Amino acid sequence: MRPPSKNLPADERKAVTVQTVVKLAAEQNPNDITTSAIASAMGLTQGALFRHFVSKDAIWQTVMEWVADCLLTRVDNATDAAPSPLAALEAIFMTHIDFVTQHPGVPRMLLAELQRAGMTPAKKMVQTLLKRYEERICSLIEQGKSCGELEPTVATASAATLFIGTIQGLVIRSLLTENPKKTQSDAAAVFAVYHRGVRSTQ
């Protein structure tokens, strides 16, 4: 039986806090989530919560760090299991859609964070995530061009931007329609359109 939140070691407490925030973000506007609401959902006092986080911004930064680690780990695993660069791109595309389907609070938090004025630690983490993600996609596109899978004239940076933007479009539609399952089922057909645009015709 899992121990109650108030009895967890520090590392586990932080992990539970992250999952609590992601869950709350799926149910309400992330900007409206208070430390009081987080503590209440965990069965803690705010004082107990602040023994592990110095501020709400620190909580948000930890959540963004978890998102980056989790998503990039899934991306790397999908890449390693794929037999070719183009297959890896498709695996990453589907893996990313699966991730946001499982954690709908994540894209809501990312969008909310990017709209904040100024450079917060969490916002900087989001920018770092996007940069690292794009680097992986660019690398696969270059590999695909080198092995003849992708059209050699494809502009790598533009193709990577289109890849990421296509996922973002699906995610935003999912948030608007509140139907992540349909987005998940449509993802393969959407990637097929991208595939036709970048694959080699030789």
N, C-alpha and C. Protein backbone atom coordinates (compact mmCIF):
# COMPACT_ATOMS: atom_id res chain seq x y z
N MET A 1 0.85 -1.21 0.00
CA MET A 1 0.00 0.00 0.00
C MET A 1 0.87 1.24 0.00
N ARG A 2 0.58 2.22 -0.87
CA ARG A 2 1.39 3.43 -0.96
C ARG A 2 1.18 4.28 0.28
N PRO A 3 2.28 4.77 0.89
CA PRO A 3 2.14 5.61 2.08
C PRO A 3 1.49 6.94 1.72
N PRO A 4 0.80 7.57 2.68
CA PRO A 4 0.20 8.87 2.40
C PRO A 4 1.27 9.90 2.06
N SER A 5 0.87 10.95 1.33
CA SER A 5 1.82 11.95 0.85
C SER A 5 2.65 12.56 1.98
N LYS A 6 2.04 12.76 3.15
CA LYS A 6 2.75 13.44 4.22
C LYS A 6 3.90 12.61 4.78
N ASN A 7 3.94 11.31 4.51
CA ASN A 7 4.99 10.46 5.04
C ASN A 7 6.05 10.09 4.01
N LEU A 8 5.98 10.67 2.80
CA LEU A 8 6.90 10.30 1.74
C LEU A 8 8.28 10.94 1.94
N PRO A 9 9.35 10.25 1.50
CA PRO A 9 10.67 10.88 1.48
C PRO A 9 10.66 12.07 0.53
N ALA A 10 11.68 12.92 0.64
CA ALA A 10 11.71 14.18 -0.12
C ALA A 10 11.60 13.97 -1.63
N ASP A 11 12.36 13.04 -2.18
CA ASP A 11 12.33 12.82 -3.63
C ASP A 11 10.97 12.35 -4.10
N GLU A 12 10.38 11.44 -3.33
CA GLU A 12 9.05 10.95 -3.70
C GLU A 12 8.00 12.04 -3.53
N ARG A 13 8.17 12.87 -2.52
CA ARG A 13 7.24 13.99 -2.30
C ARG A 13 7.25 14.91 -3.50
N LYS A 14 8.44 15.19 -4.03
CA LYS A 14 8.55 16.05 -5.20
C LYS A 14 7.90 15.40 -6.41
N ALA A 15 8.09 14.08 -6.56
CA ALA A 15 7.49 13.38 -7.69
C ALA A 15 5.96 13.41 -7.60
N VAL A 16 5.43 13.23 -6.39
CA VAL A 16 3.98 13.28 -6.20
C VAL A 16 3.47 14.70 -6.47
N THR A 17 4.25 15.70 -6.07
CA THR A 17 3.85 17.08 -6.33
C THR A 17 3.73 17.34 -7.82
N VAL A 18 4.70 16.85 -8.59
CA VAL A 18 4.66 17.01 -10.04
C VAL A 18 3.40 16.38 -10.62
N GLN A 19 3.13 15.14 -10.24
CA GLN A 19 1.95 14.45 -10.76
C GLN A 19 0.66 15.15 -10.34
N THR A 20 0.65 15.71 -9.15
CA THR A 20 -0.54 16.43 -8.68
C THR A 20 -0.77 17.68 -9.51
N VAL A 21 0.29 18.42 -9.78
CA VAL A 21 0.16 19.64 -10.57
C VAL A 21 -0.30 19.32 -11.99
N VAL A 22 0.27 18.28 -12.59
CA VAL A 22 -0.11 17.89 -13.95
C VAL A 22 -1.59 17.49 -13.99
N LYS A 23 -2.03 16.78 -12.96
CA LYS A 23 -3.43 16.37 -12.89
C LYS A 23 -4.34 17.59 -12.72
N LEU A 24 -3.97 18.51 -11.86
CA LEU A 24 -4.78 19.72 -11.65
C LEU A 24 -4.84 20.56 -12.93
N ALA A 25 -3.72 20.61 -13.65
CA ALA A 25 -3.67 21.40 -14.89
C ALA A 25 -4.58 20.83 -15.96
N ALA A 26 -4.86 19.53 -15.88
CA ALA A 26 -5.77 18.92 -16.85
C ALA A 26 -7.22 19.27 -16.54
N GLU A 27 -7.48 19.75 -15.33
CA GLU A 27 -8.84 19.99 -14.88
C GLU A 27 -9.21 21.46 -14.79
N GLN A 28 -8.21 22.35 -14.81
CA GLN A 28 -8.48 23.77 -14.65
C GLN A 28 -7.38 24.60 -15.30
N ASN A 29 -7.59 25.90 -15.39
CA ASN A 29 -6.59 26.80 -15.93
C ASN A 29 -5.33 26.72 -15.07
N PRO A 30 -4.19 26.36 -15.67
CA PRO A 30 -2.96 26.25 -14.87
C PRO A 30 -2.62 27.52 -14.11
N ASN A 31 -2.97 28.68 -14.68
CA ASN A 31 -2.67 29.95 -14.00
C ASN A 31 -3.46 30.12 -12.71
N ASP A 32 -4.54 29.36 -12.57
CA ASP A 32 -5.38 29.47 -11.38
C ASP A 32 -5.00 28.47 -10.29
N ILE A 33 -4.04 27.61 -10.57
CA ILE A 33 -3.63 26.62 -9.57
C ILE A 33 -2.80 27.30 -8.49
N THR A 34 -3.22 27.21 -7.28
CA THR A 34 -2.51 27.82 -6.15
C THR A 34 -1.73 26.77 -5.38
N THR A 35 -0.78 27.24 -4.60
CA THR A 35 -0.04 26.30 -3.75
C THR A 35 -0.97 25.69 -2.70
N SER A 36 -1.98 26.44 -2.32
CA SER A 36 -2.97 25.90 -1.37
C SER A 36 -3.72 24.73 -2.00
N ALA A 37 -4.09 24.86 -3.27
CA ALA A 37 -4.81 23.79 -3.96
C ALA A 37 -3.92 22.56 -4.14
N ILE A 38 -2.64 22.80 -4.44
CA ILE A 38 -1.70 21.68 -4.60
C ILE A 38 -1.55 20.94 -3.28
N ALA A 39 -1.32 21.70 -2.22
CA ALA A 39 -1.15 21.08 -0.90
C ALA A 39 -2.40 20.31 -0.49
N SER A 40 -3.57 20.91 -0.73
CA SER A 40 -4.82 20.26 -0.36
C SER A 40 -5.01 18.94 -1.12
N ALA A 41 -4.68 18.94 -2.41
CA ALA A 41 -4.83 17.73 -3.21
C ALA A 41 -3.89 16.63 -2.75
N MET A 42 -2.78 17.03 -2.11
CA MET A 42 -1.80 16.06 -1.61
C MET A 42 -2.04 15.69 -0.15
N GLY A 43 -3.02 16.34 0.46
CA GLY A 43 -3.27 16.08 1.88
C GLY A 43 -2.22 16.69 2.79
N LEU A 44 -1.66 17.84 2.34
CA LEU A 44 -0.61 18.51 3.11
C LEU A 44 -1.02 19.93 3.46
N THR A 45 -0.25 20.55 4.33
CA THR A 45 -0.37 21.98 4.56
C THR A 45 0.57 22.70 3.60
N GLN A 46 0.33 23.99 3.38
CA GLN A 46 1.25 24.75 2.53
C GLN A 46 2.65 24.77 3.13
N GLY A 47 2.71 24.81 4.44
CA GLY A 47 4.02 24.81 5.11
C GLY A 47 4.81 23.56 4.77
N ALA A 48 4.14 22.41 4.76
CA ALA A 48 4.82 21.16 4.43
C ALA A 48 5.29 21.17 2.98
N LEU A 49 4.46 21.74 2.10
CA LEU A 49 4.84 21.82 0.68
C LEU A 49 6.06 22.71 0.50
N PHE A 50 6.09 23.83 1.22
CA PHE A 50 7.19 24.78 1.06
C PHE A 50 8.48 24.33 1.75
N ARG A 51 8.44 23.22 2.44
CA ARG A 51 9.68 22.65 2.95
C ARG A 51 10.49 22.02 1.81
N HIS A 52 9.83 21.75 0.70
CA HIS A 52 10.49 21.13 -0.45
C HIS A 52 10.62 22.07 -1.64
N PHE A 53 9.82 23.12 -1.67
CA PHE A 53 9.87 24.10 -2.76
C PHE A 53 9.85 25.50 -2.16
N VAL A 54 10.77 26.34 -2.61
CA VAL A 54 10.86 27.67 -2.00
C VAL A 54 9.75 28.60 -2.49
N SER A 55 9.13 28.26 -3.62
CA SER A 55 8.10 29.11 -4.18
C SER A 55 7.26 28.34 -5.18
N LYS A 56 6.17 28.96 -5.63
CA LYS A 56 5.35 28.35 -6.67
C LYS A 56 6.15 28.22 -7.97
N ASP A 57 6.99 29.23 -8.26
CA ASP A 57 7.82 29.15 -9.46
C ASP A 57 8.75 27.95 -9.41
N ALA A 58 9.24 27.62 -8.23
CA ALA A 58 10.11 26.45 -8.09
C ALA A 58 9.35 25.16 -8.38
N ILE A 59 8.08 25.12 -8.00
CA ILE A 59 7.25 23.95 -8.31
C ILE A 59 7.08 23.83 -9.81
N TRP A 60 6.78 24.96 -10.45
CA TRP A 60 6.58 24.96 -11.91
C TRP A 60 7.86 24.54 -12.63
N GLN A 61 9.00 25.01 -12.14
CA GLN A 61 10.27 24.63 -12.77
C GLN A 61 10.49 23.12 -12.65
N THR A 62 10.19 22.57 -11.50
CA THR A 62 10.35 21.12 -11.30
C THR A 62 9.41 20.33 -12.22
N VAL A 63 8.20 20.84 -12.40
CA VAL A 63 7.26 20.18 -13.31
C VAL A 63 7.80 20.21 -14.74
N MET A 64 8.32 21.36 -15.17
CA MET A 64 8.86 21.48 -16.53
C MET A 64 10.09 20.59 -16.72
N GLU A 65 10.89 20.45 -15.68
CA GLU A 65 12.05 19.55 -15.74
C GLU A 65 11.59 18.10 -15.92
N TRP A 66 10.52 17.74 -15.21
CA TRP A 66 9.98 16.38 -15.36
C TRP A 66 9.45 16.17 -16.77
N VAL A 67 8.73 17.15 -17.30
CA VAL A 67 8.21 17.05 -18.66
C VAL A 67 9.35 16.85 -19.65
N ALA A 68 10.40 17.65 -19.53
CA ALA A 68 11.53 17.56 -20.45
C ALA A 68 12.19 16.19 -20.36
N ASP A 69 12.47 15.73 -19.15
CA ASP A 69 13.14 14.44 -18.97
C ASP A 69 12.27 13.30 -19.50
N CYS A 70 11.00 13.34 -19.17
CA CYS A 70 10.09 12.25 -19.56
C CYS A 70 9.90 12.22 -21.07
N LEU A 71 9.63 13.37 -21.66
CA LEU A 71 9.37 13.41 -23.10
C LEU A 71 10.62 13.05 -23.90
N LEU A 72 11.77 13.62 -23.53
CA LEU A 72 12.99 13.33 -24.28
C LEU A 72 13.44 11.89 -24.11
N THR A 73 13.19 11.30 -22.95
CA THR A 73 13.50 9.89 -22.75
C THR A 73 12.65 9.03 -23.67
N ARG A 74 11.37 9.37 -23.79
CA ARG A 74 10.49 8.63 -24.69
C ARG A 74 10.91 8.81 -26.14
N VAL A 75 11.31 10.01 -26.49
CA VAL A 75 11.78 10.29 -27.84
C VAL A 75 13.04 9.46 -28.15
N ASP A 76 13.96 9.44 -27.22
CA ASP A 76 15.20 8.68 -27.42
C ASP A 76 14.93 7.18 -27.51
N ASN A 77 14.02 6.69 -26.69
CA ASN A 77 13.68 5.27 -26.74
C ASN A 77 13.02 4.91 -28.08
N ALA A 78 12.15 5.79 -28.55
CA ALA A 78 11.49 5.56 -29.84
C ALA A 78 12.51 5.56 -30.97
N THR A 79 13.48 6.46 -30.89
CA THR A 79 14.53 6.54 -31.90
C THR A 79 15.38 5.27 -31.89
N ASP A 80 15.78 4.83 -30.72
CA ASP A 80 16.64 3.65 -30.60
C ASP A 80 15.96 2.40 -31.13
N ALA A 81 14.64 2.31 -30.99
CA ALA A 81 13.91 1.11 -31.40
C ALA A 81 13.55 1.12 -32.88
N ALA A 82 13.74 2.25 -33.56
CA ALA A 82 13.32 2.36 -34.96
C ALA A 82 14.40 1.84 -35.90
N PRO A 83 14.01 1.19 -37.01
CA PRO A 83 14.99 0.62 -37.93
C PRO A 83 15.62 1.62 -38.89
N SER A 84 15.06 2.84 -38.99
CA SER A 84 15.59 3.82 -39.93
C SER A 84 15.21 5.22 -39.47
N PRO A 85 15.86 6.25 -40.02
CA PRO A 85 15.54 7.63 -39.61
C PRO A 85 14.08 8.00 -39.84
N LEU A 86 13.52 7.63 -40.98
CA LEU A 86 12.12 7.98 -41.26
C LEU A 86 11.19 7.24 -40.31
N ALA A 87 11.50 5.98 -40.02
CA ALA A 87 10.69 5.22 -39.05
C ALA A 87 10.81 5.85 -37.66
N ALA A 88 11.99 6.39 -37.35
CA ALA A 88 12.19 7.04 -36.06
C ALA A 88 11.35 8.31 -35.96
N LEU A 89 11.28 9.08 -37.04
CA LEU A 89 10.45 10.28 -37.04
C LEU A 89 8.99 9.93 -36.78
N GLU A 90 8.51 8.89 -37.44
CA GLU A 90 7.13 8.47 -37.22
C GLU A 90 6.92 8.00 -35.78
N ALA A 91 7.88 7.24 -35.26
CA ALA A 91 7.77 6.74 -33.88
C ALA A 91 7.76 7.90 -32.89
N ILE A 92 8.59 8.90 -33.13
CA ILE A 92 8.61 10.08 -32.25
C ILE A 92 7.29 10.82 -32.31
N PHE A 93 6.78 11.00 -33.52
CA PHE A 93 5.51 11.70 -33.71
C PHE A 93 4.41 11.03 -32.90
N MET A 94 4.30 9.72 -33.04
CA MET A 94 3.24 8.99 -32.34
C MET A 94 3.49 8.96 -30.83
N THR A 95 4.75 8.85 -30.44
CA THR A 95 5.10 8.85 -29.02
C THR A 95 4.74 10.18 -28.36
N HIS A 96 5.00 11.26 -29.07
CA HIS A 96 4.68 12.59 -28.54
C HIS A 96 3.17 12.75 -28.35
N ILE A 97 2.42 12.33 -29.36
CA ILE A 97 0.95 12.41 -29.25
C ILE A 97 0.45 11.53 -28.10
N ASP A 98 1.01 10.35 -27.97
CA ASP A 98 0.63 9.46 -26.85
C ASP A 98 0.90 10.14 -25.51
N PHE A 99 2.05 10.82 -25.41
CA PHE A 99 2.44 11.46 -24.15
C PHE A 99 1.43 12.54 -23.74
N VAL A 100 1.06 13.40 -24.69
CA VAL A 100 0.12 14.47 -24.33
C VAL A 100 -1.29 13.94 -24.14
N THR A 101 -1.60 12.80 -24.77
CA THR A 101 -2.91 12.18 -24.54
C THR A 101 -2.98 11.64 -23.12
N GLN A 102 -1.88 11.06 -22.66
CA GLN A 102 -1.82 10.52 -21.30
C GLN A 102 -1.75 11.63 -20.25
N HIS A 103 -1.17 12.77 -20.62
CA HIS A 103 -0.98 13.87 -19.67
C HIS A 103 -1.51 15.18 -20.28
N PRO A 104 -2.81 15.33 -20.41
CA PRO A 104 -3.37 16.53 -21.04
C PRO A 104 -3.05 17.82 -20.30
N GLY A 105 -2.68 17.71 -19.04
CA GLY A 105 -2.31 18.91 -18.29
C GLY A 105 -0.99 19.51 -18.75
N VAL A 106 -0.14 18.69 -19.37
CA VAL A 106 1.18 19.16 -19.78
C VAL A 106 1.09 20.25 -20.85
N PRO A 107 0.42 20.05 -21.98
CA PRO A 107 0.36 21.13 -22.97
C PRO A 107 -0.35 22.37 -22.44
N ARG A 108 -1.31 22.20 -21.57
CA ARG A 108 -1.98 23.36 -20.97
C ARG A 108 -0.99 24.18 -20.16
N MET A 109 -0.11 23.50 -19.42
CA MET A 109 0.89 24.20 -18.63
C MET A 109 1.93 24.87 -19.51
N LEU A 110 2.36 24.16 -20.57
CA LEU A 110 3.36 24.72 -21.48
C LEU A 110 2.84 26.01 -22.12
N LEU A 111 1.60 25.98 -22.60
CA LEU A 111 1.02 27.16 -23.23
C LEU A 111 0.87 28.31 -22.24
N ALA A 112 0.46 27.98 -21.04
CA ALA A 112 0.30 29.01 -20.00
C ALA A 112 1.64 29.63 -19.65
N GLU A 113 2.67 28.80 -19.56
CA GLU A 113 3.99 29.29 -19.18
C GLU A 113 4.58 30.19 -20.27
N LEU A 114 4.40 29.81 -21.53
CA LEU A 114 4.96 30.60 -22.62
C LEU A 114 4.28 31.96 -22.76
N GLN A 115 3.08 32.10 -22.22
CA GLN A 115 2.37 33.37 -22.29
C GLN A 115 2.76 34.35 -21.19
N ARG A 116 3.50 33.87 -20.21
CA ARG A 116 3.91 34.74 -19.11
C ARG A 116 4.96 35.75 -19.58
N ALA A 117 4.85 36.96 -19.09
CA ALA A 117 5.83 37.99 -19.44
C ALA A 117 7.14 37.71 -18.70
N GLY A 118 8.25 38.06 -19.34
CA GLY A 118 9.54 37.88 -18.69
C GLY A 118 10.04 36.46 -18.81
N MET A 119 11.26 36.24 -18.32
CA MET A 119 11.90 34.94 -18.39
C MET A 119 11.91 34.28 -17.01
N THR A 120 11.01 33.34 -16.80
CA THR A 120 10.97 32.59 -15.56
C THR A 120 11.82 31.32 -15.72
N PRO A 121 12.24 30.71 -14.61
CA PRO A 121 13.00 29.46 -14.71
C PRO A 121 12.24 28.37 -15.48
N ALA A 122 10.94 28.30 -15.26
CA ALA A 122 10.14 27.28 -15.95
C ALA A 122 10.08 27.58 -17.45
N LYS A 123 9.92 28.85 -17.80
CA LYS A 123 9.86 29.24 -19.21
C LYS A 123 11.20 28.94 -19.89
N LYS A 124 12.29 29.19 -19.20
CA LYS A 124 13.61 28.88 -19.75
C LYS A 124 13.75 27.38 -19.97
N MET A 125 13.19 26.59 -19.06
CA MET A 125 13.23 25.13 -19.20
C MET A 125 12.45 24.68 -20.42
N VAL A 126 11.32 25.32 -20.67
CA VAL A 126 10.51 24.99 -21.85
C VAL A 126 11.30 25.29 -23.12
N GLN A 127 11.96 26.44 -23.16
CA GLN A 127 12.76 26.81 -24.32
C GLN A 127 13.90 25.82 -24.54
N THR A 128 14.51 25.39 -23.46
CA THR A 128 15.59 24.40 -23.56
C THR A 128 15.06 23.08 -24.09
N LEU A 129 13.88 22.67 -23.62
CA LEU A 129 13.25 21.44 -24.10
C LEU A 129 13.02 21.52 -25.61
N LEU A 130 12.45 22.62 -26.07
CA LEU A 130 12.16 22.76 -27.50
C LEU A 130 13.45 22.72 -28.32
N LYS A 131 14.51 23.35 -27.81
CA LYS A 131 15.79 23.36 -28.52
C LYS A 131 16.37 21.94 -28.62
N ARG A 132 16.35 21.21 -27.52
CA ARG A 132 16.88 19.84 -27.51
C ARG A 132 16.04 18.92 -28.38
N TYR A 133 14.75 19.12 -28.36
CA TYR A 133 13.83 18.32 -29.18
C TYR A 133 14.12 18.58 -30.66
N GLU A 134 14.22 19.86 -31.02
CA GLU A 134 14.47 20.22 -32.42
C GLU A 134 15.80 19.67 -32.90
N GLU A 135 16.80 19.68 -32.04
CA GLU A 135 18.12 19.13 -32.42
C GLU A 135 18.01 17.65 -32.78
N ARG A 136 17.20 16.92 -32.03
CA ARG A 136 17.03 15.49 -32.31
C ARG A 136 16.33 15.29 -33.66
N ILE A 137 15.32 16.10 -33.92
CA ILE A 137 14.60 15.97 -35.19
C ILE A 137 15.51 16.34 -36.36
N CYS A 138 16.26 17.42 -36.23
CA CYS A 138 17.19 17.82 -37.30
C CYS A 138 18.21 16.73 -37.57
N SER A 139 18.72 16.10 -36.52
CA SER A 139 19.70 15.03 -36.69
C SER A 139 19.11 13.87 -37.48
N LEU A 140 17.88 13.49 -37.17
CA LEU A 140 17.23 12.39 -37.89
C LEU A 140 16.96 12.76 -39.35
N ILE A 141 16.58 13.99 -39.59
CA ILE A 141 16.34 14.43 -40.96
C ILE A 141 17.63 14.37 -41.77
N GLU A 142 18.73 14.81 -41.17
CA GLU A 142 20.02 14.75 -41.86
C GLU A 142 20.42 13.30 -42.14
N GLN A 143 20.18 12.43 -41.16
CA GLN A 143 20.49 11.01 -41.36
C GLN A 143 19.64 10.44 -42.50
N GLY A 144 18.37 10.82 -42.52
CA GLY A 144 17.47 10.34 -43.56
C GLY A 144 17.90 10.80 -44.95
N LYS A 145 18.39 12.03 -45.04
CA LYS A 145 18.89 12.55 -46.31
C LYS A 145 20.15 11.81 -46.73
N SER A 146 21.01 11.52 -45.77
CA SER A 146 22.28 10.85 -46.07
C SER A 146 22.09 9.42 -46.58
N CYS A 147 21.08 8.73 -46.02
CA CYS A 147 20.86 7.33 -46.42
C CYS A 147 19.88 7.19 -47.57
N GLY A 148 19.36 8.31 -48.07
CA GLY A 148 18.49 8.27 -49.23
C GLY A 148 17.02 8.09 -48.93
N GLU A 149 16.64 8.08 -47.65
CA GLU A 149 15.22 7.95 -47.29
C GLU A 149 14.46 9.25 -47.51
N LEU A 150 15.12 10.36 -47.25
CA LEU A 150 14.47 11.66 -47.38
C LEU A 150 15.04 12.41 -48.58
N GLU A 151 14.21 13.26 -49.13
CA GLU A 151 14.60 14.08 -50.27
C GLU A 151 15.81 14.95 -49.91
N PRO A 152 16.92 14.85 -50.64
CA PRO A 152 18.13 15.59 -50.27
C PRO A 152 17.99 17.10 -50.32
N THR A 153 17.01 17.61 -51.05
CA THR A 153 16.83 19.06 -51.13
C THR A 153 15.96 19.62 -50.01
N VAL A 154 15.43 18.75 -49.15
CA VAL A 154 14.60 19.21 -48.04
C VAL A 154 15.42 20.10 -47.11
N ALA A 155 14.88 21.25 -46.76
CA ALA A 155 15.54 22.16 -45.82
C ALA A 155 15.36 21.60 -44.41
N THR A 156 16.45 21.19 -43.81
CA THR A 156 16.39 20.48 -42.52
C THR A 156 15.67 21.27 -41.44
N ALA A 157 16.07 22.52 -41.24
CA ALA A 157 15.47 23.33 -40.17
C ALA A 157 13.98 23.54 -40.41
N SER A 158 13.61 23.78 -41.67
CA SER A 158 12.20 23.99 -41.98
C SER A 158 11.39 22.71 -41.78
N ALA A 159 11.97 21.58 -42.17
CA ALA A 159 11.28 20.30 -41.99
C ALA A 159 11.10 19.98 -40.51
N ALA A 160 12.09 20.34 -39.69
CA ALA A 160 11.97 20.12 -38.24
C ALA A 160 10.90 21.03 -37.65
N THR A 161 10.86 22.28 -38.11
CA THR A 161 9.84 23.22 -37.64
C THR A 161 8.45 22.72 -38.01
N LEU A 162 8.30 22.21 -39.22
CA LEU A 162 7.00 21.69 -39.66
C LEU A 162 6.61 20.47 -38.84
N PHE A 163 7.56 19.60 -38.54
CA PHE A 163 7.31 18.41 -37.73
C PHE A 163 6.75 18.81 -36.36
N ILE A 164 7.46 19.72 -35.71
CA ILE A 164 7.04 20.15 -34.37
C ILE A 164 5.73 20.92 -34.43
N GLY A 165 5.61 21.78 -35.44
CA GLY A 165 4.38 22.57 -35.57
C GLY A 165 3.16 21.72 -35.84
N THR A 166 3.35 20.63 -36.59
CA THR A 166 2.23 19.73 -36.85
C THR A 166 1.74 19.07 -35.57
N ILE A 167 2.67 18.66 -34.73
CA ILE A 167 2.29 18.09 -33.44
C ILE A 167 1.57 19.14 -32.60
N GLN A 168 2.12 20.34 -32.56
CA GLN A 168 1.50 21.40 -31.76
C GLN A 168 0.09 21.71 -32.24
N GLY A 169 -0.11 21.66 -33.56
CA GLY A 169 -1.45 21.89 -34.09
C GLY A 169 -2.44 20.83 -33.64
N LEU A 170 -1.99 19.58 -33.66
CA LEU A 170 -2.85 18.49 -33.19
C LEU A 170 -3.17 18.64 -31.71
N VAL A 171 -2.16 19.04 -30.95
CA VAL A 171 -2.35 19.20 -29.50
C VAL A 171 -3.33 20.32 -29.20
N ILE A 172 -3.19 21.45 -29.89
CA ILE A 172 -4.11 22.57 -29.67
C ILE A 172 -5.53 22.17 -30.05
N ARG A 173 -5.68 21.46 -31.16
CA ARG A 173 -7.02 20.99 -31.54
C ARG A 173 -7.59 20.07 -30.46
N SER A 174 -6.73 19.25 -29.89
CA SER A 174 -7.17 18.35 -28.83
C SER A 174 -7.67 19.13 -27.63
N LEU A 175 -6.98 20.24 -27.29
CA LEU A 175 -7.41 21.06 -26.16
C LEU A 175 -8.72 21.77 -26.46
N LEU A 176 -8.89 22.20 -27.70
CA LEU A 176 -10.11 22.91 -28.08
C LEU A 176 -11.32 21.99 -28.12
N THR A 177 -11.12 20.78 -28.63
CA THR A 177 -12.23 19.85 -28.77
C THR A 177 -12.43 18.97 -27.55
N GLU A 178 -11.41 18.97 -26.66
CA GLU A 178 -11.42 18.11 -25.47
C GLU A 178 -11.67 16.65 -25.87
N ASN A 179 -11.02 16.26 -26.96
CA ASN A 179 -11.16 14.90 -27.46
C ASN A 179 -9.78 14.34 -27.82
N PRO A 180 -8.93 14.09 -26.81
CA PRO A 180 -7.58 13.61 -27.09
C PRO A 180 -7.54 12.26 -27.80
N LYS A 181 -8.53 11.43 -27.58
CA LYS A 181 -8.53 10.11 -28.21
C LYS A 181 -8.65 10.24 -29.73
N LYS A 182 -9.45 11.18 -30.20
CA LYS A 182 -9.58 11.38 -31.65
C LYS A 182 -8.27 11.89 -32.23
N THR A 183 -7.61 12.79 -31.50
CA THR A 183 -6.32 13.29 -31.94
C THR A 183 -5.33 12.15 -32.06
N GLN A 184 -5.36 11.25 -31.11
CA GLN A 184 -4.47 10.10 -31.14
C GLN A 184 -4.75 9.22 -32.36
N SER A 185 -6.02 9.00 -32.66
CA SER A 185 -6.37 8.15 -33.79
C SER A 185 -6.08 8.83 -35.13
N ASP A 186 -6.10 10.17 -35.16
CA ASP A 186 -5.83 10.91 -36.39
C ASP A 186 -4.34 11.10 -36.66
N ALA A 187 -3.52 10.89 -35.67
CA ALA A 187 -2.10 11.22 -35.77
C ALA A 187 -1.40 10.49 -36.91
N ALA A 188 -1.70 9.22 -37.10
CA ALA A 188 -1.04 8.44 -38.14
C ALA A 188 -1.32 9.01 -39.53
N ALA A 189 -2.58 9.40 -39.77
CA ALA A 189 -2.94 9.97 -41.06
C ALA A 189 -2.28 11.32 -41.27
N VAL A 190 -2.16 12.10 -40.21
CA VAL A 190 -1.51 13.41 -40.32
C VAL A 190 -0.02 13.23 -40.61
N PHE A 191 0.61 12.27 -39.93
CA PHE A 191 2.04 12.04 -40.20
C PHE A 191 2.24 11.57 -41.64
N ALA A 192 1.31 10.81 -42.16
CA ALA A 192 1.44 10.32 -43.54
C ALA A 192 1.55 11.48 -44.51
N VAL A 193 0.86 12.59 -44.25
CA VAL A 193 0.95 13.78 -45.11
C VAL A 193 2.36 14.37 -45.01
N TYR A 194 2.88 14.46 -43.78
CA TYR A 194 4.25 14.95 -43.59
C TYR A 194 5.24 14.03 -44.30
N HIS A 195 5.03 12.74 -44.16
CA HIS A 195 5.89 11.73 -44.78
C HIS A 195 5.99 11.95 -46.28
N ARG A 196 4.87 12.16 -46.91
CA ARG A 196 4.86 12.35 -48.37
C ARG A 196 5.63 13.61 -48.78
N GLY A 197 5.66 14.57 -47.89
CA GLY A 197 6.34 15.82 -48.22
C GLY A 197 7.86 15.76 -48.11
N VAL A 198 8.39 14.84 -47.30
CA VAL A 198 9.84 14.83 -47.08
C VAL A 198 10.54 13.59 -47.64
N ARG A 199 9.81 12.54 -47.94
CA ARG A 199 10.46 11.30 -48.38
C ARG A 199 11.11 11.46 -49.74
N SER A 200 12.09 10.62 -49.99
CA SER A 200 12.75 10.64 -51.29
C SER A 200 11.85 10.02 -52.35
N THR A 201 11.84 10.62 -53.52
CA THR A 201 11.03 10.08 -54.63
C THR A 201 11.86 9.24 -55.58
N GLN A 202 13.12 9.07 -55.27
CA GLN A 202 14.00 8.28 -56.14
C GLN A 202 13.88 6.79 -55.86
